[in-house]
Protein backbone atom coordinates (compact mmCIF):
# COMPACT_ATOMS: atom_id res chain seq x y z
CA MET A 1 -10.91 -73.11 -78.74
CA ALA A 2 -9.16 -74.43 -75.65
CA ASN A 3 -11.35 -77.56 -75.71
CA LYS A 4 -10.50 -78.12 -79.35
CA ASN A 5 -6.72 -77.89 -78.65
CA LEU A 6 -7.08 -80.20 -75.66
CA PHE A 7 -9.00 -82.70 -77.82
CA TYR A 8 -6.31 -82.67 -80.54
CA SER A 9 -3.53 -82.98 -77.98
CA GLY A 10 -5.27 -85.89 -76.27
CA THR A 11 -5.91 -87.62 -79.61
CA ALA A 12 -2.28 -87.21 -80.65
CA LEU A 13 -1.11 -88.60 -77.30
CA VAL A 14 -3.40 -91.66 -77.56
CA ALA A 15 -2.32 -92.27 -81.18
CA PHE A 16 1.36 -92.07 -80.13
CA ALA A 17 0.74 -94.53 -77.27
CA VAL A 18 -1.03 -96.97 -79.63
CA LEU A 19 1.83 -96.66 -82.13
CA LEU A 20 4.43 -97.43 -79.46
CA ALA A 21 2.46 -100.43 -78.18
CA ALA A 22 2.05 -101.85 -81.70
CA TRP A 23 5.70 -101.29 -82.72
CA PRO A 24 7.50 -104.65 -83.03
CA ALA A 25 10.11 -105.20 -80.36
CA PRO A 26 13.59 -106.09 -81.64
CA ARG A 27 14.37 -109.77 -81.19
CA PRO A 28 17.82 -111.36 -81.23
CA ALA A 29 18.64 -113.21 -84.44
CA ALA A 30 19.81 -116.24 -82.49
CA GLN A 31 19.29 -117.45 -78.99
CA PRO A 32 22.31 -116.53 -76.86
CA ALA A 33 24.43 -119.35 -75.51
CA PRO A 34 24.11 -120.11 -71.80
CA GLN A 35 26.68 -118.44 -69.56
CA GLY A 36 30.01 -120.28 -69.76
CA ALA A 37 29.07 -122.49 -72.73
CA ILE A 38 31.72 -123.16 -75.35
CA GLN A 39 30.71 -122.07 -78.82
CA ILE A 40 32.40 -123.84 -81.71
CA ASP A 41 31.61 -124.33 -85.35
CA SER A 42 32.16 -127.28 -87.68
CA ASP A 43 35.93 -126.83 -88.03
CA ASP A 44 36.81 -126.13 -84.37
CA ILE A 45 37.55 -128.25 -81.32
CA GLY A 46 36.68 -126.78 -77.94
CA GLY A 47 35.95 -127.72 -74.37
CA VAL A 48 36.95 -127.30 -70.74
CA VAL A 49 40.11 -128.47 -68.99
CA THR A 50 39.81 -129.47 -65.35
CA SER A 51 41.94 -131.26 -62.80
CA LYS A 52 41.28 -132.45 -59.28
CA ASN A 53 41.75 -128.78 -58.28
CA GLY A 54 38.97 -127.54 -60.61
CA PRO A 55 39.28 -125.59 -63.90
CA GLU A 56 42.83 -125.27 -65.20
CA ALA A 57 43.61 -121.73 -66.34
CA GLY A 58 46.58 -120.93 -68.59
CA VAL A 59 47.40 -124.43 -69.79
CA TRP A 60 47.96 -125.42 -73.40
CA VAL A 61 45.57 -127.63 -75.31
CA ILE A 62 47.23 -129.21 -78.33
CA ALA A 63 45.48 -130.70 -81.35
CA GLU A 64 47.85 -132.69 -83.55
CA THR A 65 47.49 -134.84 -86.66
CA THR A 66 49.68 -136.55 -89.27
CA GLU A 67 46.85 -136.98 -91.78
CA LEU A 68 47.75 -133.85 -93.76
CA GLY A 69 50.95 -135.08 -95.41
CA THR A 70 53.08 -133.73 -92.57
CA ARG A 71 52.76 -133.31 -88.83
CA PHE A 72 50.31 -130.49 -88.09
CA ALA A 73 49.68 -129.09 -84.61
CA LYS A 74 47.65 -126.16 -83.38
CA MET A 75 47.46 -124.96 -79.79
CA ALA A 76 45.25 -122.80 -77.60
CA VAL A 77 45.55 -121.57 -74.02
CA THR A 78 42.70 -122.00 -71.55
CA ASP A 79 40.98 -118.98 -70.01
CA ASP A 80 40.39 -118.46 -66.28
CA ARG A 81 37.51 -120.97 -66.34
CA GLY A 82 39.52 -123.65 -68.16
CA ARG A 83 37.73 -123.09 -71.48
CA TYR A 84 39.47 -123.34 -74.84
CA VAL A 85 38.70 -123.27 -78.56
CA ILE A 86 41.13 -124.41 -81.26
CA PRO A 87 39.66 -122.73 -84.35
CA ASP A 88 39.74 -123.34 -88.09
CA LEU A 89 41.29 -126.82 -88.21
CA PRO A 90 41.81 -128.56 -91.56
CA ALA A 91 39.77 -131.74 -92.10
CA ALA A 92 41.47 -134.58 -90.19
CA THR A 93 41.27 -136.63 -87.01
CA TYR A 94 43.22 -135.04 -84.16
CA ASN A 95 44.93 -136.21 -81.00
CA VAL A 96 44.05 -133.63 -78.34
CA TRP A 97 45.79 -133.30 -75.00
CA VAL A 98 46.78 -130.90 -72.22
CA ARG A 99 50.26 -129.65 -71.37
CA GLY A 100 51.30 -127.02 -68.88
CA TYR A 101 53.67 -125.98 -66.17
CA GLY A 102 53.20 -128.18 -63.10
CA LEU A 103 51.50 -130.87 -65.21
CA VAL A 104 52.53 -133.95 -67.07
CA ASP A 105 51.02 -134.47 -70.52
CA SER A 106 47.48 -135.78 -70.28
CA PRO A 107 46.38 -138.87 -72.21
CA LYS A 108 45.68 -138.08 -75.87
CA VAL A 109 42.02 -138.11 -76.91
CA LYS A 110 41.05 -138.71 -80.55
CA SER A 111 38.62 -136.17 -81.94
CA ALA A 112 37.22 -134.86 -85.18
CA ARG A 113 36.50 -131.21 -85.89
CA GLY A 114 33.24 -129.81 -84.61
CA GLN A 115 33.44 -131.67 -81.29
CA ILE A 116 33.39 -130.54 -77.67
CA VAL A 117 36.29 -132.32 -75.96
CA ASN A 118 36.48 -131.85 -72.19
CA LEU A 119 39.93 -132.82 -70.94
CA THR A 120 41.41 -133.77 -67.59
CA ALA A 121 44.78 -132.25 -66.74
CA VAL A 122 47.25 -134.52 -64.96
CA LEU A 123 49.10 -132.81 -62.12
CA ALA A 124 52.79 -133.66 -61.90
CA PRO A 125 53.49 -135.88 -58.89
CA ASN A 126 56.56 -133.81 -57.99
CA ALA A 127 58.77 -130.96 -59.24
CA ALA A 128 61.19 -133.36 -60.96
CA ALA A 129 58.40 -134.86 -63.08
CA ALA A 130 57.14 -131.38 -63.98
CA ALA A 131 60.67 -130.31 -64.97
CA GLU A 132 60.93 -133.20 -67.43
CA TYR A 133 58.10 -131.63 -69.45
CA TYR A 134 59.10 -127.98 -68.94
CA PRO A 135 62.65 -127.52 -67.69
CA ALA A 136 63.64 -123.97 -66.80
CA ILE A 137 65.82 -123.70 -69.92
CA TYR A 138 62.69 -124.17 -72.04
CA TRP A 139 61.30 -120.87 -70.80
CA PHE A 140 64.67 -119.19 -71.12
CA SER A 141 65.01 -120.38 -74.73
CA MET A 142 61.89 -118.37 -75.64
CA LEU A 143 63.46 -115.16 -74.37
CA SER A 144 64.23 -112.58 -77.01
CA ILE A 145 67.22 -110.36 -76.25
CA PRO A 146 66.41 -106.71 -76.99
CA ASP A 147 68.32 -104.86 -79.70
CA LYS A 148 71.40 -102.92 -78.55
CA SER A 149 69.57 -99.67 -79.27
CA SER A 150 67.15 -100.51 -76.43
CA PHE A 151 69.87 -100.05 -73.82
CA PRO A 152 71.04 -96.62 -72.62
CA ALA A 153 74.59 -95.86 -73.78
CA PRO A 154 76.16 -94.61 -70.52
CA ALA A 155 74.79 -97.34 -68.21
CA PRO A 156 77.52 -100.04 -68.07
CA ALA A 157 75.35 -102.56 -66.15
CA ALA A 158 72.62 -102.47 -68.79
CA THR A 159 74.55 -103.08 -71.99
CA ALA A 160 73.20 -105.52 -74.54
CA CYS A 161 76.12 -107.85 -73.81
CA ARG A 162 75.78 -107.79 -70.02
CA TRP A 163 71.99 -108.03 -69.90
CA PRO A 164 71.74 -111.78 -70.69
CA THR A 165 74.67 -112.47 -68.34
CA ARG A 166 72.96 -110.67 -65.50
CA LEU A 167 69.72 -112.42 -66.35
CA ARG A 168 71.37 -115.85 -66.20
CA ASN A 169 73.38 -114.81 -63.16
CA SER A 170 76.51 -116.32 -64.65
CA GLY A 171 79.53 -115.19 -66.63
CA SER A 172 79.24 -117.71 -69.45
CA THR A 173 77.77 -115.42 -72.12
CA PRO A 174 80.39 -114.39 -74.68
CA CYS A 175 80.41 -110.69 -75.51
CA SER A 176 81.39 -109.49 -78.95
């Protein structure tokens, strides 16, 4: 009886091993893109932005056209390796260029959708040239002043009226 049980156990184990060996291994539906490659589809523009210092992280890439009945622009920001994708663009030819703090606008490159466009950022020659593209007031103009309810009532230095004044470090903000 023991030999019979051993025989059945061994047969079951061999059958299980054969089943596992014959089972089809899962395969990816598509071949993965190489590390760092930009993936775009037919209505995107993508690429890498570099300068003489290497990849440019955190700069804007602008795609602009006037072929749609009005001026149309769409922007993307580069990642830490200088990569960008501007997705889902309407059918048109686009001028694509780089803009960012510490840069001057790069030359515009014409491109259609579905293209990889690698761009070269142009470093500003000095702080004055950089400020012509992005003066400090540009950044300040994007600031959103919090609602008065965001400030604690008893703290006189943190009132909604005094907050922008303290931020600007001047007394020119009218309080109402």
